[in-house]
Amino acid sequence: MNTYSARPPSLTAAGFTLLELMIALLLLGVMMTLLFNGLRLGARTWDSVEERTRSAQDLQLAGLFLRRQIEQAQPLAFKGEQGEKRIPFSGERHAMRFVAPLPAHLGAGGMYWFTLGVAEGKDGKRLVLSYELFQREEWERYGAAEPGTAVLTQALNDAEFDYLGHETTTWASRWDQTDRLPRLIRLRVKVGDGPNGRWLELSVAPKLTASQPRA
């Protein structure tokens, strides 16, 4: 009679050893670190490109708006602080003040003082525009509304104005003539710092230049 004796199967080790598991976890950690750093770098690059694109768009829109307003600068006569007749325009290196029609999207229209200046901001210099109703001496009985303010562009390294007269070819950083508008007004803004910084320029000629104030 044949007898069958079953032998237990050999207990062959299956799965990973502890050392292999630790190496796999270490490699996984390195891969996750590289992947996270890559995603973070990509996000920073995207934000930087988006910020530059937004800044370029802001500069373009600000340039279009300023060109339109400066072209419409008005040589309207009014009395100064000493009672002298003068036109409503003054120009400095970092500020300019003139009178022009108010765009419809900003209010009900009419002639307004526009003050364009350079101010310090948390991320650099910014170009700020304020506007208020232009009143001649016969309008002093009317109370002026609070001036409006708008930031045209920001994150600038620098910004400056220059003025060109009618009898000269040399730019001046200050406009002292009180009886006429400049022949040409130049706004220069610097974006970026160091070797990557560059100057952008906008030159505008007021349409209503006059040698004498208009009544």
C-alpha atoms as a PDB file:
ATOM      1  CA  MET A   1       0.000   0.000   0.000  1.00  0.00           C
ATOM      2  CA  ASN A   2       1.409   3.222  -1.096  1.00  0.00           C
ATOM      3  CA  THR A   3       1.426   6.032   1.391  1.00  0.00           C
ATOM      4  CA  TYR A   4       1.515   9.771   0.502  1.00  0.00           C
ATOM      5  CA  SER A   5       3.337  12.103   2.767  1.00  0.00           C
ATOM      6  CA  ALA A   6       2.772  15.816   2.094  1.00  0.00           C
ATOM      7  CA  ARG A   7       5.710  18.055   2.757  1.00  0.00           C
ATOM      8  CA  PRO A   8       5.098  21.635   3.602  1.00  0.00           C
ATOM      9  CA  PRO A   9       6.125  24.086   0.791  1.00  0.00           C
ATOM     10  CA  SER A  10       9.289  25.948   1.262  1.00  0.00           C
ATOM     11  CA  LEU A  11       8.815  29.318   2.921  1.00  0.00           C
ATOM     12  CA  THR A  12      10.350  31.479   0.187  1.00  0.00           C
ATOM     13  CA  ALA A  13      10.553  35.178   1.200  1.00  0.00           C
ATOM     14  CA  ALA A  14       8.058  37.372  -0.716  1.00  0.00           C
ATOM     15  CA  GLY A  15       7.785  41.244  -0.865  1.00  0.00           C
ATOM     16  CA  PHE A  16      10.423  43.869   0.049  1.00  0.00           C
ATOM     17  CA  THR A  17      13.003  43.848   2.697  1.00  0.00           C
ATOM     18  CA  LEU A  18      13.163  46.720   5.156  1.00  0.00           C
ATOM     19  CA  LEU A  19      16.237  48.162   3.408  1.00  0.00           C
ATOM     20  CA  GLU A  20      14.544  48.115   0.010  1.00  0.00           C
ATOM     21  CA  LEU A  21      11.483  49.820   1.473  1.00  0.00           C
ATOM     22  CA  MET A  22      13.604  52.575   3.027  1.00  0.00           C
ATOM     23  CA  ILE A  23      15.438  53.168  -0.282  1.00  0.00           C
ATOM     24  CA  ALA A  24      12.123  53.342  -2.153  1.00  0.00           C
ATOM     25  CA  LEU A  25      10.717  55.853   0.348  1.00  0.00           C
ATOM     26  CA  LEU A  26      13.883  57.937   0.071  1.00  0.00           C
ATOM     27  CA  LEU A  27      13.672  58.006  -3.725  1.00  0.00           C
ATOM     28  CA  LEU A  28       9.987  58.875  -3.549  1.00  0.00           C
ATOM     29  CA  GLY A  29      10.764  61.758  -1.191  1.00  0.00           C
ATOM     30  CA  VAL A  30      13.455  63.085  -3.556  1.00  0.00           C
ATOM     31  CA  MET A  31      11.083  62.848  -6.515  1.00  0.00           C
ATOM     32  CA  MET A  32       8.307  64.657  -4.625  1.00  0.00           C
ATOM     33  CA  THR A  33      10.746  67.406  -3.591  1.00  0.00           C
ATOM     34  CA  LEU A  34      11.894  67.904  -7.184  1.00  0.00           C
ATOM     35  CA  LEU A  35       8.315  67.905  -8.413  1.00  0.00           C
ATOM     36  CA  PHE A  36       7.235  70.458  -5.779  1.00  0.00           C
ATOM     37  CA  ASN A  37      10.179  72.734  -6.540  1.00  0.00           C
ATOM     38  CA  GLY A  38       9.408  72.503 -10.257  1.00  0.00           C
ATOM     39  CA  LEU A  39       5.773  73.438  -9.671  1.00  0.00           C
ATOM     40  CA  ARG A  40       6.768  76.328  -7.414  1.00  0.00           C
ATOM     41  CA  LEU A  41       9.284  77.617  -9.963  1.00  0.00           C
ATOM     42  CA  GLY A  42       6.671  77.355 -12.690  1.00  0.00           C
ATOM     43  CA  ALA A  43       4.159  79.283 -10.594  1.00  0.00           C
ATOM     44  CA  ARG A  44       6.715  82.027  -9.858  1.00  0.00           C
ATOM     45  CA  THR A  45       7.623  82.252 -13.539  1.00  0.00           C
ATOM     46  CA  TRP A  46       3.952  82.478 -14.502  1.00  0.00           C
ATOM     47  CA  ASP A  47       3.320  85.189 -11.904  1.00  0.00           C
ATOM     48  CA  SER A  48       6.356  87.126 -13.113  1.00  0.00           C
ATOM     49  CA  VAL A  49       5.242  86.943 -16.749  1.00  0.00           C
ATOM     50  CA  GLU A  50       1.699  87.901 -15.779  1.00  0.00           C
ATOM     51  CA  GLU A  51       2.964  90.864 -13.737  1.00  0.00           C
ATOM     52  CA  ARG A  52       5.142  92.088 -16.594  1.00  0.00           C
ATOM     53  CA  THR A  53       2.260  91.730 -19.039  1.00  0.00           C
ATOM     54  CA  ARG A  54      -0.069  93.629 -16.725  1.00  0.00           C
ATOM     55  CA  SER A  55       2.521  96.385 -16.219  1.00  0.00           C
ATOM     56  CA  ALA A  56       3.031  96.696 -19.980  1.00  0.00           C
ATOM     57  CA  GLN A  57      -0.727  96.932 -20.507  1.00  0.00           C
ATOM     58  CA  ASP A  58      -1.017  99.561 -17.766  1.00  0.00           C
ATOM     59  CA  LEU A  59       1.740 101.621 -19.375  1.00  0.00           C
ATOM     60  CA  GLN A  60       0.105 101.364 -22.785  1.00  0.00           C
ATOM     61  CA  LEU A  61      -3.316 102.407 -21.470  1.00  0.00           C
ATOM     62  CA  ALA A  62      -1.786 105.235 -19.415  1.00  0.00           C
ATOM     63  CA  GLY A  63       0.083 106.470 -22.490  1.00  0.00           C
ATOM     64  CA  LEU A  64      -3.076 106.502 -24.597  1.00  0.00           C
ATOM     65  CA  PHE A  65      -5.026 108.349 -21.911  1.00  0.00           C
ATOM     66  CA  LEU A  66      -2.297 110.937 -21.297  1.00  0.00           C
ATOM     67  CA  ARG A  67      -1.800 111.566 -25.007  1.00  0.00           C
ATOM     68  CA  ARG A  68      -5.494 112.301 -25.408  1.00  0.00           C
ATOM     69  CA  GLN A  69      -5.637 114.602 -22.368  1.00  0.00           C
ATOM     70  CA  ILE A  70      -2.423 116.529 -23.037  1.00  0.00           C
ATOM     71  CA  GLU A  71      -3.401 117.082 -26.672  1.00  0.00           C
ATOM     72  CA  GLN A  72      -6.554 118.790 -25.375  1.00  0.00           C
ATOM     73  CA  ALA A  73      -4.750 121.101 -22.920  1.00  0.00           C
ATOM     74  CA  GLN A  74      -6.536 124.462 -22.993  1.00  0.00           C
ATOM     75  CA  PRO A  75      -4.809 127.901 -22.975  1.00  0.00           C
ATOM     76  CA  LEU A  76      -7.741 129.529 -21.138  1.00  0.00           C
ATOM     77  CA  ALA A  77      -6.971 132.853 -19.447  1.00  0.00           C
ATOM     78  CA  PHE A  78      -7.497 133.218 -15.693  1.00  0.00           C
ATOM     79  CA  LYS A  79      -6.208 135.398 -12.869  1.00  0.00           C
ATOM     80  CA  GLY A  80      -3.234 134.194 -10.863  1.00  0.00           C
ATOM     81  CA  GLU A  81      -2.577 134.778  -7.175  1.00  0.00           C
ATOM     82  CA  GLN A  82      -1.224 138.285  -7.878  1.00  0.00           C
ATOM     83  CA  GLY A  83      -4.110 139.179 -10.163  1.00  0.00           C
ATOM     84  CA  GLU A  84      -2.091 138.651 -13.321  1.00  0.00           C
ATOM     85  CA  LYS A  85      -3.542 137.054 -16.418  1.00  0.00           C
ATOM     86  CA  ARG A  86      -2.034 133.693 -17.236  1.00  0.00           C
ATOM     87  CA  ILE A  87      -2.880 130.355 -18.810  1.00  0.00           C
ATOM     88  CA  PRO A  88      -3.548 127.276 -16.662  1.00  0.00           C
ATOM     89  CA  PHE A  89      -0.362 125.310 -17.171  1.00  0.00           C
ATOM     90  CA  SER A  90       2.694 124.621 -15.056  1.00  0.00           C
ATOM     91  CA  GLY A  91       5.431 122.085 -15.564  1.00  0.00           C
ATOM     92  CA  GLU A  92       8.138 120.686 -13.284  1.00  0.00           C
ATOM     93  CA  ARG A  93      10.495 117.726 -13.534  1.00  0.00           C
ATOM     94  CA  HIS A  94       8.209 115.362 -11.623  1.00  0.00           C
ATOM     95  CA  ALA A  95       4.814 117.063 -11.876  1.00  0.00           C
ATOM     96  CA  MET A  96       2.648 118.787 -14.430  1.00  0.00           C
ATOM     97  CA  ARG A  97      -0.632 120.691 -14.141  1.00  0.00           C
ATOM     98  CA  PHE A  98      -2.961 121.666 -16.982  1.00  0.00           C
ATOM     99  CA  VAL A  99      -6.622 122.187 -17.880  1.00  0.00           C
ATOM    100  CA  ALA A 100      -8.483 119.918 -20.292  1.00  0.00           C
ATOM    101  CA  PRO A 101     -12.006 118.533 -20.818  1.00  0.00           C
ATOM    102  CA  LEU A 102     -12.978 115.787 -18.409  1.00  0.00           C
ATOM    103  CA  PRO A 103     -13.524 112.429 -20.157  1.00  0.00           C
ATOM    104  CA  ALA A 104     -17.124 111.243 -20.042  1.00  0.00           C
ATOM    105  CA  HIS A 105     -16.288 108.068 -18.115  1.00  0.00           C
ATOM    106  CA  LEU A 106     -14.876 110.134 -15.223  1.00  0.00           C
ATOM    107  CA  GLY A 107     -17.795 112.501 -14.700  1.00  0.00           C
ATOM    108  CA  ALA A 108     -20.280 114.929 -16.180  1.00  0.00           C
ATOM    109  CA  GLY A 109     -17.729 116.729 -18.355  1.00  0.00           C
ATOM    110  CA  GLY A 110     -16.522 120.317 -18.406  1.00  0.00           C
ATOM    111  CA  MET A 111     -13.076 121.818 -17.916  1.00  0.00           C
ATOM    112  CA  TYR A 112     -10.953 120.340 -15.137  1.00  0.00           C
ATOM    113  CA  TRP A 113      -7.547 120.869 -13.608  1.00  0.00           C
ATOM    114  CA  PHE A 114      -5.402 117.769 -14.150  1.00  0.00           C
ATOM    115  CA  THR A 115      -2.354 117.278 -11.927  1.00  0.00           C
ATOM    116  CA  LEU A 116      -0.015 114.535 -13.015  1.00  0.00           C
ATOM    117  CA  GLY A 117       2.739 113.641 -10.584  1.00  0.00           C
ATOM    118  CA  VAL A 118       5.204 110.997  -9.455  1.00  0.00           C
ATOM    119  CA  ALA A 119       4.593 109.490  -6.007  1.00  0.00           C
ATOM    120  CA  GLU A 120       6.344 106.828  -3.980  1.00  0.00           C
ATOM    121  CA  GLY A 121       4.596 103.479  -3.606  1.00  0.00           C
ATOM    122  CA  LYS A 122       5.332 100.253  -1.781  1.00  0.00           C
ATOM    123  CA  ASP A 123       6.526  98.593  -5.005  1.00  0.00           C
ATOM    124  CA  GLY A 124       8.335 101.600  -6.509  1.00  0.00           C
ATOM    125  CA  LYS A 125       7.248 104.891  -7.981  1.00  0.00           C
ATOM    126  CA  ARG A 126       3.819 105.416  -9.436  1.00  0.00           C
ATOM    127  CA  LEU A 127       2.215 107.888 -11.803  1.00  0.00           C
ATOM    128  CA  VAL A 128      -0.779 109.508 -10.087  1.00  0.00           C
ATOM    129  CA  LEU A 129      -3.430 111.708 -11.703  1.00  0.00           C
ATOM    130  CA  SER A 130      -5.755 113.979  -9.747  1.00  0.00           C
ATOM    131  CA  TYR A 131      -8.490 116.158 -11.232  1.00  0.00           C
ATOM    132  CA  GLU A 132     -10.802 118.882  -9.966  1.00  0.00           C
ATOM    133  CA  LEU A 133     -13.166 121.432 -11.473  1.00  0.00           C
ATOM    134  CA  PHE A 134     -11.489 124.401 -13.162  1.00  0.00           C
ATOM    135  CA  GLN A 135     -13.018 127.654 -11.898  1.00  0.00           C
ATOM    136  CA  ARG A 136     -12.231 131.137 -13.090  1.00  0.00           C
ATOM    137  CA  GLU A 137     -12.432 134.170 -10.847  1.00  0.00           C
ATOM    138  CA  GLU A 138     -16.144 134.661 -11.546  1.00  0.00           C
ATOM    139  CA  TRP A 139     -16.839 131.127 -10.301  1.00  0.00           C
ATOM    140  CA  GLU A 140     -15.339 131.522  -6.843  1.00  0.00           C
ATOM    141  CA  ARG A 141     -18.787 131.592  -5.233  1.00  0.00           C
ATOM    142  CA  TYR A 142     -19.257 127.934  -6.119  1.00  0.00           C
ATOM    143  CA  GLY A 143     -17.802 125.293  -3.825  1.00  0.00           C
ATOM    144  CA  ALA A 144     -15.476 122.864  -5.525  1.00  0.00           C
ATOM    145  CA  ALA A 145     -16.089 119.134  -5.221  1.00  0.00           C
ATOM    146  CA  GLU A 146     -13.500 116.814  -3.743  1.00  0.00           C
ATOM    147  CA  PRO A 147     -10.750 116.102  -6.291  1.00  0.00           C
ATOM    148  CA  GLY A 148     -10.673 112.681  -7.893  1.00  0.00           C
ATOM    149  CA  THR A 149      -7.532 110.582  -7.925  1.00  0.00           C
ATOM    150  CA  ALA A 150      -6.390 107.692 -10.088  1.00  0.00           C
ATOM    151  CA  VAL A 151      -3.174 105.651 -10.222  1.00  0.00           C
ATOM    152  CA  LEU A 152      -2.282 105.366 -13.899  1.00  0.00           C
ATOM    153  CA  THR A 153       0.659 103.001 -13.524  1.00  0.00           C
ATOM    154  CA  GLN A 154       2.935 101.745 -10.771  1.00  0.00           C
ATOM    155  CA  ALA A 155       6.082  99.715 -10.089  1.00  0.00           C
ATOM    156  CA  LEU A 156       8.184 102.304 -11.929  1.00  0.00           C
ATOM    157  CA  ASN A 157      11.852 102.914 -11.249  1.00  0.00           C
ATOM    158  CA  ASP A 158      11.599 106.591 -12.221  1.00  0.00           C
ATOM    159  CA  ALA A 159       9.474 109.069 -14.194  1.00  0.00           C
ATOM    160  CA  GLU A 160      10.124 112.606 -15.381  1.00  0.00           C
ATOM    161  CA  PHE A 161       8.731 115.356 -17.613  1.00  0.00           C
ATOM    162  CA  ASP A 162      10.504 117.619 -20.105  1.00  0.00           C
ATOM    163  CA  TYR A 163       9.226 120.587 -22.106  1.00  0.00           C
ATOM    164  CA  LEU A 164      10.171 122.013 -25.490  1.00  0.00           C
ATOM    165  CA  GLY A 165       9.525 125.665 -26.299  1.00  0.00           C
ATOM    166  CA  HIS A 166       8.605 127.293 -29.591  1.00  0.00           C
ATOM    167  CA  GLU A 167      11.943 129.019 -30.218  1.00  0.00           C
ATOM    168  CA  THR A 168      14.332 126.330 -29.033  1.00  0.00           C
ATOM    169  CA  THR A 169      15.420 122.781 -29.763  1.00  0.00           C
ATOM    170  CA  THR A 170      16.602 122.062 -26.212  1.00  0.00           C
ATOM    171  CA  TRP A 171      14.420 120.221 -23.718  1.00  0.00           C
ATOM    172  CA  ALA A 172      13.879 121.919 -20.357  1.00  0.00           C
ATOM    173  CA  SER A 173      12.929 120.274 -17.062  1.00  0.00           C
ATOM    174  CA  ARG A 174      10.765 123.249 -16.060  1.00  0.00           C
ATOM    175  CA  TRP A 175       8.233 125.382 -17.916  1.00  0.00           C
ATOM    176  CA  ASP A 176       8.268 129.010 -16.751  1.00  0.00           C
ATOM    177  CA  GLN A 177       6.285 130.746 -19.481  1.00  0.00           C
ATOM    178  CA  THR A 178       2.859 131.797 -18.243  1.00  0.00           C
ATOM    179  CA  ASP A 179       1.418 133.012 -21.540  1.00  0.00           C
ATOM    180  CA  ARG A 180       1.678 129.923 -23.740  1.00  0.00           C
ATOM    181  CA  LEU A 181       1.710 126.154 -23.736  1.00  0.00           C
ATOM    182  CA  PRO A 182       4.858 124.184 -24.577  1.00  0.00           C
ATOM    183  CA  ARG A 183       5.278 123.132 -28.177  1.00  0.00           C
ATOM    184  CA  LEU A 184       6.002 119.589 -27.051  1.00  0.00           C
ATOM    185  CA  ILE A 185       5.760 117.709 -23.751  1.00  0.00           C
ATOM    186  CA  ARG A 186       7.784 114.563 -23.084  1.00  0.00           C
ATOM    187  CA  LEU A 187       7.138 111.940 -20.424  1.00  0.00           C
ATOM    188  CA  ARG A 188       9.909 109.429 -19.759  1.00  0.00           C
ATOM    189  CA  VAL A 189       9.410 106.440 -17.449  1.00  0.00           C
ATOM    190  CA  LYS A 190      11.997 103.877 -16.438  1.00  0.00           C
ATOM    191  CA  VAL A 191      10.854 100.309 -15.898  1.00  0.00           C
ATOM    192  CA  GLY A 192      13.125  97.702 -14.367  1.00  0.00           C
ATOM    193  CA  ASP A 193      16.306  98.208 -12.408  1.00  0.00           C
ATOM    194  CA  GLY A 194      19.976  97.683 -13.109  1.00  0.00           C
ATOM    195  CA  PRO A 195      21.090  96.417 -16.529  1.00  0.00           C
ATOM    196  CA  ASN A 196      17.533  95.269 -17.315  1.00  0.00           C
ATOM    197  CA  GLY A 197      16.073  98.742 -16.798  1.00  0.00           C
ATOM    198  CA  ARG A 198      14.924 100.669 -19.852  1.00  0.00           C
ATOM    199  CA  TRP A 199      13.432 104.096 -20.525  1.00  0.00           C
ATOM    200  CA  LEU A 200      10.103 104.415 -22.317  1.00  0.00           C
ATOM    201  CA  GLU A 201       9.203 107.753 -23.874  1.00  0.00           C
ATOM    202  CA  LEU A 202       5.961 109.504 -24.786  1.00  0.00           C
ATOM    203  CA  SER A 203       6.034 112.866 -26.615  1.00  0.00           C
ATOM    204  CA  VAL A 204       2.819 114.845 -27.065  1.00  0.00           C
ATOM    205  CA  ALA A 205       2.108 118.190 -28.725  1.00  0.00           C
ATOM    206  CA  PRO A 206      -0.822 120.196 -27.282  1.00  0.00           C
ATOM    207  CA  LYS A 207      -3.153 121.050 -30.147  1.00  0.00           C
ATOM    208  CA  LEU A 208      -4.245 124.460 -28.834  1.00  0.00           C
ATOM    209  CA  THR A 209      -0.890 126.179 -28.439  1.00  0.00           C
ATOM    210  CA  ALA A 210      -1.150 129.966 -28.266  1.00  0.00           C
ATOM    211  CA  SER A 211       1.235 132.870 -27.819  1.00  0.00           C
ATOM    212  CA  GLN A 212      -1.366 134.862 -25.867  1.00  0.00           C
ATOM    213  CA  PRO A 213      -4.019 133.736 -23.380  1.00  0.00           C
ATOM    214  CA  ARG A 214      -7.504 133.331 -24.722  1.00  0.00           C
ATOM    215  CA  ALA A 215     -10.229 135.392 -23.099  1.00  0.00           C
END
